[in-house]
Protein backbone atom coordinates (compact mmCIF):
# COMPACT_ATOMS: atom_id res chain seq x y z
CA MET A 1 32.56 123.83 70.33
CA LYS A 2 36.03 123.59 68.87
CA GLN A 3 36.96 120.90 71.41
CA SER A 4 33.80 118.93 70.60
CA SER A 5 34.55 119.04 66.86
CA SER A 6 38.04 117.80 67.51
CA ARG A 7 36.66 114.83 69.48
CA VAL A 8 34.27 113.95 66.66
CA ARG A 9 37.11 114.00 64.15
CA ARG A 10 39.18 111.67 66.36
CA VAL A 11 36.28 109.23 66.69
CA LEU A 12 35.75 109.18 62.92
CA LEU A 13 39.43 108.61 62.30
CA LEU A 14 39.48 105.79 64.86
CA CYS A 15 36.46 104.13 63.26
CA ALA A 16 38.11 104.37 59.86
CA ALA A 17 41.31 102.88 61.21
CA LEU A 18 39.45 99.99 62.84
CA ALA A 19 37.53 99.31 59.65
CA CYS A 20 40.76 99.13 57.67
CA ALA A 21 42.50 96.96 60.25
CA GLN A 22 39.60 94.53 60.71
CA PRO A 23 38.27 93.24 57.38
CA GLY A 24 35.16 91.87 59.06
CA LEU A 25 33.98 95.38 59.85
CA ALA A 26 34.57 96.50 56.27
CA GLY A 27 33.14 93.46 54.53
CA ALA A 28 30.63 95.48 52.55
CA GLN A 29 33.33 97.78 51.22
CA PRO A 30 34.67 97.06 47.71
CA SER A 31 38.25 95.85 47.67
CA GLY A 32 39.06 97.77 44.48
CA PRO A 33 37.57 100.21 42.02
CA ALA A 34 33.85 99.84 41.45
CA PRO A 35 33.07 97.92 38.23
CA GLU A 36 32.22 100.06 35.24
CA LYS A 37 28.60 99.85 34.12
CA ALA A 38 27.98 98.54 30.59
CA VAL A 39 24.66 97.85 28.88
CA MET A 40 24.36 95.33 26.03
CA PHE A 41 21.13 95.38 24.01
CA ILE A 42 20.58 92.14 22.10
CA GLY A 43 17.25 93.03 20.52
CA TRP A 44 15.74 89.58 20.93
CA ARG A 45 14.65 87.14 23.61
CA ALA A 46 17.12 85.15 25.69
CA GLU A 47 18.28 81.98 23.95
CA ALA A 48 21.39 79.90 23.36
CA GLU A 49 22.41 82.00 20.35
CA TRP A 50 23.31 84.69 22.93
CA GLY A 51 24.69 82.16 25.39
CA GLY A 52 28.25 83.46 25.62
CA PHE A 53 27.08 86.85 26.81
CA PHE A 54 24.83 85.30 29.46
CA GLN A 55 27.65 82.95 30.49
CA ALA A 56 29.99 85.92 30.94
CA VAL A 57 27.45 87.52 33.28
CA ALA A 58 26.60 84.34 35.18
CA LYS A 59 30.21 83.20 35.65
CA GLY A 60 31.48 86.61 36.72
CA ILE A 61 33.71 86.98 33.66
CA TYR A 62 32.62 90.56 33.02
CA ARG A 63 33.20 91.34 36.70
CA LYS A 64 36.70 89.90 36.45
CA HIS A 65 37.34 92.45 33.71
CA GLY A 66 35.99 95.29 35.84
CA LEU A 67 32.56 95.53 34.24
CA ASP A 68 29.03 95.40 35.61
CA VAL A 69 27.10 94.28 32.52
CA GLU A 70 23.34 94.44 32.04
CA ILE A 71 21.85 92.54 29.09
CA ARG A 72 18.66 94.10 27.78
CA LEU A 73 16.24 92.11 25.66
CA GLY A 74 14.08 93.29 22.79
CA ASN A 75 12.10 92.11 19.77
CA PRO A 76 12.48 92.11 15.97
CA GLN A 77 10.97 95.60 15.77
CA SER A 78 13.52 97.08 18.18
CA ASN A 79 15.80 99.71 16.66
CA PRO A 80 19.09 99.81 18.57
CA THR A 81 20.69 102.65 16.61
CA PRO A 82 18.91 105.53 18.42
CA MET A 83 19.66 103.82 21.75
CA LEU A 84 23.37 103.67 20.95
CA LEU A 85 23.57 107.20 19.62
CA ALA A 86 21.71 108.56 22.66
CA GLY A 87 23.99 106.68 25.05
CA ARG A 88 21.15 104.63 26.55
CA VAL A 89 23.07 101.44 25.73
CA ASP A 90 26.78 100.88 25.15
CA PHE A 91 26.74 97.86 22.86
CA THR A 92 24.31 96.10 20.54
CA ALA A 93 24.43 93.05 18.29
CA GLY A 94 24.62 93.60 14.56
CA SER A 95 26.06 92.12 11.38
CA SER A 96 28.21 93.04 8.42
CA GLY A 97 25.06 94.22 6.68
CA THR A 98 23.78 96.45 9.47
CA SER A 99 27.20 98.04 9.99
CA LEU A 100 27.68 98.72 6.28
CA ASN A 101 24.20 100.25 6.12
CA ALA A 102 25.07 102.44 9.11
CA ALA A 103 28.21 103.59 7.29
CA ARG A 104 26.12 104.37 4.20
CA GLU A 105 23.75 106.47 6.32
CA GLY A 106 26.62 108.25 8.06
CA ALA A 107 25.79 106.82 11.49
CA PRO A 108 28.94 106.77 13.69
CA LEU A 109 28.66 103.08 14.63
CA MET A 110 31.28 100.35 14.30
CA SER A 111 31.47 96.57 14.63
CA VAL A 112 34.30 95.76 17.03
CA ALA A 113 34.07 91.94 17.06
CA ALA A 114 32.22 89.19 15.17
CA ILE A 115 30.93 86.35 17.34
CA PHE A 116 29.36 84.33 14.50
CA GLN A 117 31.73 83.56 11.64
CA LYS A 118 28.80 82.01 9.77
CA ASP A 119 25.25 83.21 9.36
CA PRO A 120 22.96 80.55 10.92
CA ARG A 121 20.24 81.18 8.34
CA VAL A 122 19.06 78.31 6.18
CA LEU A 123 16.56 77.49 3.50
CA ILE A 124 14.58 74.41 4.52
CA ALA A 125 12.72 71.92 2.33
CA HIS A 126 10.63 68.84 3.06
CA PRO A 127 12.51 65.55 2.69
CA ASN A 128 11.93 63.32 -0.34
CA GLN A 129 10.41 66.11 -2.41
CA GLY A 130 13.08 66.45 -5.08
CA VAL A 131 15.04 69.20 -3.35
CA ASP A 132 18.42 67.70 -2.56
CA LYS A 133 20.51 70.55 -3.98
CA ILE A 134 20.03 74.25 -3.45
CA GLU A 135 19.76 74.78 -7.21
CA GLN A 136 16.55 72.71 -7.19
CA ILE A 137 14.81 75.42 -5.17
CA LYS A 138 14.58 77.50 -8.35
CA ASP A 139 11.10 76.25 -9.23
CA ARG A 140 9.66 76.20 -5.70
CA THR A 141 7.68 78.70 -3.67
CA VAL A 142 10.00 80.15 -1.02
CA LEU A 143 8.83 81.86 2.17
CA VAL A 144 11.14 84.80 2.91
CA GLY A 145 10.75 87.62 5.45
CA ALA A 146 11.19 91.33 4.77
CA LEU A 147 14.73 91.38 6.16
CA GLY A 148 15.69 88.40 4.03
CA MET A 149 14.40 90.14 0.92
CA ALA A 150 16.82 92.99 1.59
CA THR A 151 19.81 90.80 2.46
CA PHE A 152 20.34 87.18 1.50
CA TRP A 153 17.62 86.86 -1.17
CA PRO A 154 19.26 89.30 -3.64
CA TYR A 155 22.48 87.32 -3.23
CA LEU A 156 20.74 83.98 -3.90
CA ARG A 157 18.80 85.52 -6.77
CA GLY A 158 22.04 86.63 -8.39
CA ARG A 159 23.94 83.41 -7.79
CA PHE A 160 21.31 80.75 -8.44
CA GLY A 161 18.85 82.51 -10.73
CA PHE A 162 16.00 82.58 -8.22
CA THR A 163 13.26 85.13 -8.91
CA ASP A 164 11.07 87.36 -6.79
CA ASP A 165 8.03 85.67 -8.33
CA GLN A 166 8.87 82.60 -6.25
CA VAL A 167 8.63 84.47 -2.98
CA LYS A 168 5.77 84.64 -0.54
CA PRO A 169 6.04 86.40 2.83
CA TYR A 170 7.46 84.45 5.74
CA THR A 171 5.40 85.23 8.83
CA PHE A 172 7.47 83.27 11.37
CA SER A 173 4.80 80.57 11.43
CA LEU A 174 5.47 76.98 10.38
CA ALA A 175 1.86 76.46 9.30
CA PRO A 176 2.26 77.33 5.58
CA PHE A 177 5.31 75.08 5.31
CA LEU A 178 3.58 72.20 7.06
CA ALA A 179 0.53 72.57 4.81
CA ASP A 180 2.45 72.24 1.53
CA LYS A 181 5.33 69.80 1.07
CA LYS A 182 6.50 71.64 -2.04
CA VAL A 183 7.16 74.88 -0.14
CA VAL A 184 10.63 75.98 0.99
CA GLN A 185 11.11 78.43 3.86
CA GLN A 186 13.83 80.40 5.58
CA GLY A 187 14.92 79.51 9.10
CA LEU A 188 17.83 79.18 11.49
CA ILE A 189 19.92 76.01 11.70
CA THR A 190 19.80 76.43 15.49
CA ASN A 191 16.01 76.43 15.69
CA GLU A 192 13.72 75.36 12.84
CA PRO A 193 14.98 71.79 12.31
CA LEU A 194 14.00 70.93 15.90
CA ALA A 195 10.68 72.77 15.66
CA LEU A 196 9.85 70.91 12.45
CA LYS A 197 10.80 67.58 13.96
CA LYS A 198 8.39 68.25 16.81
CA ALA A 199 5.74 69.10 14.22
CA GLY A 200 6.23 65.74 12.50
CA VAL A 201 8.75 66.58 9.75
CA GLU A 202 11.63 64.16 10.20
CA ASN A 203 14.98 65.07 8.64
CA PRO A 204 14.09 68.29 6.84
CA VAL A 205 16.62 69.28 4.18
CA SER A 206 18.55 72.33 5.38
CA PHE A 207 20.81 74.47 3.21
CA LEU A 208 23.08 76.62 5.38
CA LEU A 209 23.51 79.77 3.31
CA ALA A 210 27.05 80.22 4.59
CA ASP A 211 27.98 77.04 2.72
CA TYR A 212 26.98 78.71 -0.56
CA GLY A 213 29.10 81.84 -0.42
CA TRP A 214 26.84 84.01 1.75
CA ASP A 215 29.47 85.37 4.15
CA PRO A 216 28.43 88.24 6.42
CA TYR A 217 29.66 88.29 9.98
CA MET A 218 26.74 87.85 12.36
CA THR A 219 26.23 88.83 15.99
CA THR A 220 28.86 91.50 15.67
CA ILE A 221 29.42 93.59 18.78
CA VAL A 222 28.52 97.14 17.76
CA THR A 223 29.32 100.35 19.59
CA THR A 224 29.74 104.04 18.77
CA ARG A 225 32.80 105.53 17.11
CA ASP A 226 32.99 107.81 20.14
CA ASN A 227 33.46 104.79 22.43
CA VAL A 228 36.09 103.35 20.08
CA GLU A 229 38.09 106.57 20.05
CA LYS A 230 37.57 107.92 23.57
CA ARG A 231 36.96 104.78 25.67
CA PRO A 232 39.10 102.08 24.04
CA GLN A 233 39.89 100.31 27.33
CA PHE A 234 36.17 100.06 28.10
CA VAL A 235 35.49 98.55 24.68
CA GLN A 236 38.46 96.18 24.94
CA LYS A 237 37.32 94.89 28.32
CA PHE A 238 33.85 94.18 27.01
CA VAL A 239 35.12 92.44 23.88
CA ASP A 240 37.66 90.33 25.77
CA ALA A 241 35.18 89.28 28.46
CA SER A 242 32.51 88.45 25.86
CA ILE A 243 34.97 86.27 23.94
CA GLU A 244 35.95 84.46 27.14
CA GLY A 245 32.26 83.99 27.87
CA TRP A 246 31.74 82.35 24.51
CA TYR A 247 34.68 79.98 24.93
CA SER A 248 33.31 79.04 28.35
CA TYR A 249 29.80 78.54 26.99
CA LEU A 250 30.89 76.34 24.10
CA TYR A 251 33.64 74.30 25.74
CA ASP A 252 33.03 74.34 29.51
CA ASP A 253 29.85 73.67 31.47
CA PRO A 254 27.22 76.07 30.02
CA SER A 255 24.70 75.49 32.80
CA ALA A 256 25.27 78.87 34.51
CA GLY A 257 24.53 80.74 31.30
CA ASN A 258 21.61 78.44 30.51
CA GLU A 259 19.98 79.10 33.87
CA LEU A 260 20.23 82.83 33.28
CA ILE A 261 18.75 82.38 29.80
CA LYS A 262 15.79 80.43 31.19
CA ARG A 263 15.28 82.95 33.97
CA ASN A 264 14.91 85.66 31.34
CA ASN A 265 12.90 83.47 28.95
CA PRO A 266 10.63 81.05 30.86
CA GLU A 267 9.46 79.45 27.60
CA MET A 268 12.97 78.28 26.74
CA THR A 269 13.56 74.55 27.22
CA ASP A 270 16.67 72.53 27.97
CA GLU A 271 16.04 70.58 24.76
CA GLN A 272 16.04 73.71 22.60
CA ILE A 273 19.17 75.06 24.28
CA ALA A 274 21.04 71.76 23.83
CA PHE A 275 19.98 71.58 20.18
CA ALA A 276 21.20 75.11 19.48
CA ILE A 277 24.55 74.57 21.21
CA HIS A 278 25.07 71.36 19.24
CA ALA A 279 24.25 73.13 15.96
CA MET A 280 26.57 76.04 16.72
CA LYS A 281 29.44 73.64 17.39
CA GLU A 282 28.71 71.08 14.68
CA ARG A 283 28.31 73.67 11.91
CA GLY A 284 31.18 75.86 13.09
CA LEU A 285 29.02 78.95 13.37
CA ILE A 286 31.30 80.61 15.93
CA ASP A 287 34.64 78.84 16.18
CA SER A 288 35.63 78.30 12.55
CA GLY A 289 37.49 80.00 9.72
CA ASP A 290 39.61 82.91 10.92
CA ALA A 291 38.45 82.28 14.50
CA LYS A 292 40.42 79.02 14.49
CA ARG A 293 43.70 80.92 14.12
CA LEU A 294 42.85 84.32 15.59
CA GLY A 295 40.28 83.45 18.25
CA ILE A 296 36.53 83.88 18.61
CA GLY A 297 35.45 87.35 17.53
CA ALA A 298 37.92 87.40 14.62
CA MET A 299 37.45 89.75 11.68
CA THR A 300 39.58 90.59 8.65
CA ASP A 301 39.68 93.43 6.14
CA ALA A 302 39.46 90.93 3.28
CA ARG A 303 36.25 89.36 4.59
CA TRP A 304 34.58 92.74 5.08
CA GLU A 305 35.62 93.85 1.59
CA HIS A 306 34.41 90.61 0.01
CA PHE A 307 30.97 90.87 1.57
CA TYR A 308 30.69 94.52 0.58
CA ARG A 309 31.59 93.70 -3.03
CA SER A 310 29.03 90.89 -3.12
CA MET A 311 26.34 93.34 -1.99
CA VAL A 312 27.41 95.90 -4.60
CA ASP A 313 27.22 93.22 -7.29
CA VAL A 314 23.55 92.51 -6.52
CA GLY A 315 22.58 96.15 -6.06
CA VAL A 316 22.03 96.12 -2.30
CA LEU A 317 24.83 98.60 -1.52
CA PRO A 318 26.25 101.46 -3.59
CA THR A 319 29.78 101.68 -4.94
CA GLY A 320 32.24 104.06 -3.33
CA LEU A 321 31.40 103.26 0.29
CA ASP A 322 34.28 103.58 2.75
CA VAL A 323 34.01 100.07 4.19
CA ARG A 324 36.43 100.79 7.04
CA LYS A 325 33.97 103.19 8.60
CA ALA A 326 31.83 100.14 9.42
CA TYR A 327 34.31 98.29 11.64
CA THR A 328 37.68 98.24 13.37
CA LEU A 329 40.08 95.36 13.97
CA LYS A 330 41.87 96.99 16.93
CA PHE A 331 39.97 94.97 19.56
CA VAL A 332 40.10 91.47 18.03
CA ASN A 333 42.45 88.86 16.55
CA LYS A 334 44.37 88.69 19.83
CA LYS A 335 43.64 85.00 20.57
CA VAL A 336 41.97 85.94 23.87
CA GLY A 337 40.82 82.84 25.76
CA MET A 338 41.64 80.67 22.76
CA ARG A 339 41.28 76.91 23.29
């Protein structure tokens, strides 16, 4: 029995030696450490506004950084906070507002990068209806959703003298807007102008809220404080690869990311994707401001503090909040992949 066991060991050692010496026999074996699994929950359907993340998957950029990334989709009712806290996902997309609210509630979550330097939200009016300046919206009915009422509307109300009496609920349908040329509605600069054009409204008047002092970071990469403190290399790899994915999506051929987007969202069209990419680049939603000198994903203490103060001024957030619990700058402003 002992002799038989010895023979078996020699055969196994020989097989191992042959596998190492002849790559063809070991082709299925990984050449290095297995990539680390990471799950990103975007809480919405696949579209160009998430294109850099899809590009990083499709082009193998995450793999290059040692990550195996899964992007999970959702809907507007999805609540990513319990998923993050339970460890079911590693990263989600947020904003200055969501991170400051998390800090207010004591949730141990942090924004670690800001993909959008500008909020893509707009107020849209019909052309040739006497609304050529945002101040002229003051006497119009405005369709605003529940989230908008808790975020940008208080800011606009304080700055431009708008009132809650003007507001009617926005139901994510264009029908009320199309039925009344005097109505103004919220939207995204990457989406609604094209949808309205298809519905027969040529050259709608769009007011990008970011051009009027509304300055939250959007599509921030959010993770847990535990990940920030105990897995900093993991977080850094994800941030760096995501930033590289966004540079590739905006300035190289985005077709790989677009194909992955369409595979995950069969209703998405090439026309809509092209329109959104053009809007993101033309309006500087991603690569503008601090991102021009520090790279995509850039954040600054001053910008976070300014947004917080603006929310305190209109009663959305309380005084005395420790703003730095909402974010960290340790993973950004490194000019990664900068063009």
